[in-house]
């Protein structure tokens, strides 16, 4: 009988503890500093933010905390911010050219890319265009291919590579 009462009381305590809404916790100072330091490429004075950024990525968290957990406007309202993350391995081709990726010797690990004139077909379609030269140049691989696009209160801040 005593164990049943104890179990009942313990169960009620658990239900009570988890039924209340908890306020949103503000992100750490280093996590919030990512919003300021990332666009500048983590300049001097941003080592804490850079460490937090790497830790968030290693742990599978989003690279940036919710902006609203870091800031409020001067009148006390929450500031909204959002971001998109992505991967762009090649620097954009010059105007009038399009990017075409290819695999070296059928390898899935080793690939390259060429920028072709928009109206040309790649060299592997040469059988259709016998003797036609297709102007192209070697595409440049990005040193830092991952990116974050950032907005604050609907205003686009830019695309930053890391």
Protein backbone atom coordinates (compact mmCIF):
# COMPACT_ATOMS: atom_id res chain seq x y z
CA UNK A 1 0.00 0.00 0.00
CA UNK A 2 2.79 2.44 0.91
CA UNK A 3 4.60 1.83 -2.39
CA UNK A 4 1.38 2.50 -4.34
CA UNK A 5 0.92 5.85 -2.57
CA UNK A 6 4.59 6.75 -3.13
CA UNK A 7 4.32 5.80 -6.79
CA UNK A 8 1.15 7.88 -7.15
CA UNK A 9 2.75 10.92 -5.47
CA UNK A 10 5.90 10.54 -7.59
CA UNK A 11 3.80 10.30 -10.76
CA UNK A 12 1.85 13.43 -9.83
CA UNK A 13 5.10 15.30 -9.17
CA UNK A 14 6.41 14.30 -12.61
CA UNK A 15 3.21 15.40 -14.32
CA UNK A 16 3.29 18.71 -12.44
CA UNK A 17 6.96 19.31 -13.26
CA UNK A 18 6.48 18.76 -17.00
CA UNK A 19 3.09 20.44 -17.41
CA UNK A 20 4.32 24.01 -16.92
CA UNK A 21 5.71 25.94 -19.85
CA UNK A 22 9.28 26.96 -19.40
CA UNK A 23 10.47 30.32 -20.74
CA UNK A 24 12.72 30.18 -23.76
CA UNK A 25 16.30 30.18 -22.58
CA UNK A 26 18.55 32.85 -24.01
CA UNK A 27 21.46 31.48 -25.98
CA UNK A 28 24.94 31.86 -24.54
CA UNK A 29 26.91 35.03 -25.21
CA UNK A 30 29.25 33.13 -27.55
CA UNK A 31 26.31 31.62 -29.45
CA UNK A 32 24.69 35.03 -29.91
CA UNK A 33 28.02 36.51 -31.02
CA UNK A 34 27.93 34.15 -34.04
CA UNK A 35 25.28 36.45 -35.57
CA UNK A 36 27.76 39.35 -35.38
CA UNK A 37 31.01 37.52 -36.14
CA UNK A 38 30.05 35.18 -39.00
CA UNK A 39 29.49 37.92 -41.63
CA UNK A 40 33.00 39.23 -40.92
CA UNK A 41 34.59 35.78 -41.15
CA UNK A 42 35.16 35.61 -37.37
CA UNK A 43 37.66 38.47 -37.09
CA UNK A 44 39.87 39.17 -34.07
CA UNK A 45 37.84 39.12 -30.86
CA UNK A 46 35.44 36.44 -32.13
CA UNK A 47 37.33 33.32 -31.03
CA UNK A 48 34.59 32.35 -28.54
CA UNK A 49 31.91 32.70 -31.21
CA UNK A 50 34.01 30.67 -33.66
CA UNK A 51 34.49 27.87 -31.10
CA UNK A 52 30.76 27.84 -30.36
CA UNK A 53 29.98 27.79 -34.11
CA UNK A 54 32.23 24.74 -34.64
CA UNK A 55 30.77 22.99 -31.56
CA UNK A 56 27.22 23.56 -32.80
CA UNK A 57 28.10 22.04 -36.18
CA UNK A 58 29.89 19.05 -34.59
CA UNK A 59 26.88 18.35 -32.36
CA UNK A 60 24.46 18.52 -35.31
CA UNK A 61 22.83 21.73 -34.07
CA UNK A 62 21.88 24.59 -36.34
CA UNK A 63 24.88 26.85 -36.97
CA UNK A 64 23.08 29.89 -35.55
CA UNK A 65 20.87 30.16 -32.46
CA UNK A 66 17.41 31.72 -32.78
CA UNK A 67 18.01 35.43 -33.04
CA UNK A 68 15.04 36.10 -30.75
CA UNK A 69 16.86 34.28 -27.93
CA UNK A 70 19.68 36.80 -28.24
CA UNK A 71 18.06 40.19 -28.84
CA UNK A 72 15.16 42.49 -28.29
CA UNK A 73 14.42 45.76 -30.03
CA UNK A 74 14.78 49.07 -28.15
CA UNK A 75 11.07 48.98 -27.18
CA UNK A 76 11.39 45.44 -25.77
CA UNK A 77 9.89 43.54 -28.71
CA UNK A 78 11.58 40.41 -30.00
CA UNK A 79 13.69 40.76 -33.13
CA UNK A 80 13.14 38.03 -35.71
CA UNK A 81 15.88 36.51 -37.77
CA UNK A 82 16.25 33.44 -39.91
CA UNK A 83 18.82 31.78 -42.10
CA UNK A 84 19.33 29.14 -44.77
CA UNK A 85 22.34 26.89 -44.99
CA UNK A 86 23.76 25.26 -48.10
CA UNK A 87 26.74 23.97 -50.05
CA UNK A 88 28.23 25.55 -53.20
CA UNK A 89 31.48 23.83 -54.26
CA UNK A 90 32.14 26.08 -57.30
CA UNK A 91 32.56 29.83 -57.70
CA UNK A 92 29.83 31.22 -59.97
CA UNK A 93 30.68 31.33 -63.69
CA UNK A 94 31.11 34.63 -65.50
CA UNK A 95 28.05 36.20 -67.10
CA UNK A 96 27.00 34.33 -70.28
CA UNK A 97 28.47 31.01 -69.07
CA UNK A 98 26.85 28.02 -67.33
CA UNK A 99 28.45 25.52 -64.97
CA UNK A 100 28.67 21.85 -66.00
CA UNK A 101 30.14 19.33 -63.55
CA UNK A 102 31.87 16.15 -64.68
CA UNK A 103 33.44 13.07 -63.10
CA UNK A 104 37.07 12.12 -63.69
CA UNK A 105 37.24 8.57 -65.05
CA UNK A 106 33.78 7.77 -63.68
CA UNK A 107 34.93 8.40 -60.08
CA UNK A 108 32.33 9.52 -57.56
CA UNK A 109 34.97 11.13 -55.36
CA UNK A 110 36.91 13.10 -57.92
CA UNK A 111 34.97 15.62 -59.96
CA UNK A 112 35.57 18.86 -61.79
CA UNK A 113 33.57 21.53 -63.54
CA UNK A 114 33.76 23.70 -66.62
CA UNK A 115 31.99 26.96 -67.44
CA UNK A 116 30.54 26.75 -70.98
CA UNK A 117 29.06 29.49 -73.15
CA UNK A 118 25.30 29.34 -72.57
CA UNK A 119 24.45 28.33 -76.15
CA UNK A 120 27.10 25.58 -76.38
CA UNK A 121 26.77 21.92 -75.57
CA UNK A 122 29.46 20.24 -73.43
CA UNK A 123 32.25 18.37 -75.20
CA UNK A 124 30.64 14.96 -74.56
CA UNK A 125 27.81 15.99 -76.91
CA UNK A 126 30.29 16.77 -79.70
CA UNK A 127 28.95 13.92 -81.86
CA UNK A 128 25.82 16.04 -82.44
CA UNK A 129 27.87 19.12 -83.22
CA UNK A 130 30.73 17.78 -85.32
CA UNK A 131 33.57 20.27 -85.59
CA UNK A 132 31.87 22.89 -83.45
CA UNK A 133 34.09 24.49 -80.82
CA UNK A 134 32.40 25.21 -77.51
CA UNK A 135 34.10 28.03 -75.60
CA UNK A 136 34.72 27.10 -71.97
CA UNK A 137 37.06 27.55 -69.05
CA UNK A 138 37.87 25.57 -65.90
CA UNK A 139 35.57 26.40 -62.98
CA UNK A 140 37.20 27.40 -59.69
CA UNK A 141 36.54 25.26 -56.60
CA UNK A 142 35.59 27.22 -53.46
CA UNK A 143 37.97 26.97 -50.54
CA UNK A 144 35.01 27.21 -48.12
CA UNK A 145 31.95 25.70 -49.86
CA UNK A 146 29.40 25.77 -46.98
CA UNK A 147 27.30 28.92 -46.62
CA UNK A 148 24.72 30.66 -44.47
CA UNK A 149 22.26 33.21 -45.88
CA UNK A 150 20.99 35.53 -43.13
CA UNK A 151 17.95 37.80 -42.67
CA UNK A 152 17.03 40.04 -39.70
CA UNK A 153 13.49 41.43 -39.53
CA UNK A 154 13.00 40.53 -43.18
CA UNK A 155 16.12 42.41 -44.34
CA UNK A 156 18.60 40.23 -46.26
CA UNK A 157 22.09 40.51 -44.75
CA UNK A 158 23.93 38.36 -47.28
CA UNK A 159 25.48 34.98 -48.00
CA UNK A 160 28.56 34.04 -45.95
CA UNK A 161 30.83 31.09 -46.69
CA UNK A 162 32.55 28.97 -44.06
